[in-house]
């Protein structure tokens, strides 16, 4: 049996999937549609930059006390998604919530992920000449007392 979905229904599905990704994360949202690649296709039109643009509204927070060289990028519910080390120009990107989503959901390799993240960071957060690196942000944040 073939199911026909109207353009309006498709837009509604896309909006709901993007909302699920924001609220529950890529891994959990992908379970609702049968996997990472399906989520990339249905929720973001197979466009990884569209996925990154869905993260545009993060809070940018200067770290306190002994880590003043770091800037934290957090979602509205307080999850740290990236940590920018101004001293080394590295930006540590959450390896599950962002990096794995780009790798598994869109089939990008390491250098392609770096390239697209650099483009997005320059356009949205005006960060230039940074090197993205995957990192377990929760453990990293806990270790350095950033939570």
Protein backbone atom coordinates (compact mmCIF):
# COMPACT_ATOMS: atom_id res chain seq x y z
CA UNK A 1 0.00 0.00 0.00
CA UNK A 2 1.28 3.43 -0.91
CA UNK A 3 0.63 6.38 1.42
CA UNK A 4 0.52 9.85 -0.06
CA UNK A 5 1.64 12.70 2.16
CA UNK A 6 0.75 16.26 1.26
CA UNK A 7 3.30 19.05 1.32
CA UNK A 8 1.62 20.52 4.41
CA UNK A 9 1.75 17.16 6.21
CA UNK A 10 5.42 16.84 5.26
CA UNK A 11 6.17 20.28 6.76
CA UNK A 12 4.32 19.31 9.94
CA UNK A 13 6.32 16.07 10.21
CA UNK A 14 9.59 17.95 9.67
CA UNK A 15 8.73 20.51 12.36
CA UNK A 16 7.76 17.77 14.82
CA UNK A 17 10.95 15.80 14.15
CA UNK A 18 13.12 18.90 14.64
CA UNK A 19 11.31 19.55 17.90
CA UNK A 20 11.93 15.95 18.99
CA UNK A 21 15.64 16.29 18.24
CA UNK A 22 15.84 19.44 20.37
CA UNK A 23 13.86 17.95 23.22
CA UNK A 24 15.06 14.33 23.28
CA UNK A 25 18.28 14.33 21.26
CA UNK A 26 19.20 12.78 17.95
CA UNK A 27 19.51 9.21 19.20
CA UNK A 28 16.07 9.08 20.81
CA UNK A 29 14.34 10.96 17.99
CA UNK A 30 15.87 8.61 15.42
CA UNK A 31 14.16 5.65 17.10
CA UNK A 32 10.77 7.10 16.17
CA UNK A 33 11.56 7.05 12.44
CA UNK A 34 13.64 3.89 12.10
CA UNK A 35 17.20 5.16 12.41
CA UNK A 36 19.70 7.95 12.01
CA UNK A 37 19.60 8.13 8.22
CA UNK A 38 15.79 8.30 8.18
CA UNK A 39 15.88 11.17 10.66
CA UNK A 40 18.41 13.01 8.50
CA UNK A 41 16.16 12.54 5.49
CA UNK A 42 12.74 13.21 7.06
CA UNK A 43 13.68 15.88 9.58
CA UNK A 44 16.42 17.77 7.75
CA UNK A 45 16.05 16.95 4.02
CA UNK A 46 19.44 15.18 4.07
CA UNK A 47 21.03 18.59 4.67
CA UNK A 48 23.49 18.58 7.59
CA UNK A 49 23.74 22.38 7.69
CA UNK A 50 19.96 22.49 8.24
CA UNK A 51 20.50 20.28 11.29
CA UNK A 52 23.21 22.62 12.60
CA UNK A 53 20.99 25.66 11.99
CA UNK A 54 18.45 24.06 14.32
CA UNK A 55 21.05 24.64 17.08
CA UNK A 56 21.43 28.37 16.34
CA UNK A 57 19.76 29.63 19.49
CA UNK A 58 22.25 28.35 22.06
CA UNK A 59 23.20 30.53 25.01
CA UNK A 60 26.82 31.70 24.86
CA UNK A 61 28.29 31.77 28.36
CA UNK A 62 31.74 32.81 29.56
CA UNK A 63 33.06 30.16 31.94
CA UNK A 64 33.71 31.24 35.50
CA UNK A 65 36.77 31.35 37.74
CA UNK A 66 39.68 29.13 36.75
CA UNK A 67 38.49 28.43 33.20
CA UNK A 68 37.96 31.98 31.94
CA UNK A 69 39.53 31.14 28.62
CA UNK A 70 36.52 28.93 27.77
CA UNK A 71 33.16 29.87 26.31
CA UNK A 72 30.28 27.45 26.74
CA UNK A 73 27.47 26.95 24.23
CA UNK A 74 24.34 25.67 25.93
CA UNK A 75 20.81 24.81 24.94
CA UNK A 76 17.95 26.60 26.65
CA UNK A 77 17.56 23.66 29.05
CA UNK A 78 21.20 24.00 30.17
CA UNK A 79 22.93 21.21 28.23
CA UNK A 80 26.44 22.18 27.21
CA UNK A 81 26.80 21.32 23.50
CA UNK A 82 30.18 22.93 22.77
CA UNK A 83 33.13 24.38 24.65
CA UNK A 84 35.36 26.92 22.91
CA UNK A 85 38.95 27.00 24.19
CA UNK A 86 40.08 30.50 23.22
CA UNK A 87 43.72 29.78 24.04
CA UNK A 88 44.06 26.95 21.51
CA UNK A 89 41.20 27.87 19.12
CA UNK A 90 39.66 24.44 19.58
CA UNK A 91 35.95 24.01 19.87
CA UNK A 92 34.99 20.79 21.57
CA UNK A 93 31.72 19.55 20.08
CA UNK A 94 29.51 17.04 21.88
CA UNK A 95 30.37 13.74 20.26
CA UNK A 96 26.90 12.21 20.69
CA UNK A 97 24.50 15.12 20.32
CA UNK A 98 26.23 16.78 17.36
CA UNK A 99 29.19 14.85 15.94
CA UNK A 100 27.54 11.40 15.78
CA UNK A 101 24.40 12.97 14.34
CA UNK A 102 26.40 14.38 11.44
CA UNK A 103 28.39 11.20 10.98
CA UNK A 104 25.59 8.63 11.15
CA UNK A 105 22.61 10.75 10.11
CA UNK A 106 24.23 12.35 7.08
CA UNK A 107 27.13 10.00 6.31
CA UNK A 108 29.86 12.61 6.74
CA UNK A 109 33.47 11.72 7.52
CA UNK A 110 35.71 13.45 10.10
CA UNK A 111 37.07 16.18 7.83
CA UNK A 112 33.65 16.86 6.28
CA UNK A 113 32.18 17.27 9.76
CA UNK A 114 34.94 19.69 10.71
CA UNK A 115 34.41 21.67 7.52
CA UNK A 116 30.64 22.02 7.92
CA UNK A 117 30.92 22.90 11.63
CA UNK A 118 33.51 25.60 10.83
CA UNK A 119 31.18 27.07 8.19
CA UNK A 120 28.22 27.04 10.59
CA UNK A 121 30.19 28.54 13.51
CA UNK A 122 31.48 31.34 11.29
CA UNK A 123 28.01 32.18 9.94
CA UNK A 124 26.04 31.89 13.17
CA UNK A 125 28.43 32.57 16.06
CA UNK A 126 31.09 34.62 14.21
CA UNK A 127 33.84 32.18 15.24
CA UNK A 128 36.72 32.16 12.81
CA UNK A 129 39.79 29.93 12.59
CA UNK A 130 38.57 27.33 15.08
CA UNK A 131 39.25 23.61 14.95
CA UNK A 132 36.27 21.44 15.91
CA UNK A 133 37.00 18.26 17.85
CA UNK A 134 34.56 15.63 19.10
CA UNK A 135 34.41 15.33 22.88
CA UNK A 136 32.27 13.70 25.53
CA UNK A 137 31.01 17.08 26.76
CA UNK A 138 29.13 15.80 29.82
CA UNK A 139 32.19 14.04 31.21
CA UNK A 140 34.45 16.92 30.14
CA UNK A 141 32.17 19.49 31.78
CA UNK A 142 31.86 17.48 34.98
CA UNK A 143 35.63 16.99 35.22
CA UNK A 144 36.33 20.71 34.83
CA UNK A 145 33.38 21.79 36.99
CA UNK A 146 31.54 23.53 34.17
CA UNK A 147 28.07 22.10 34.89
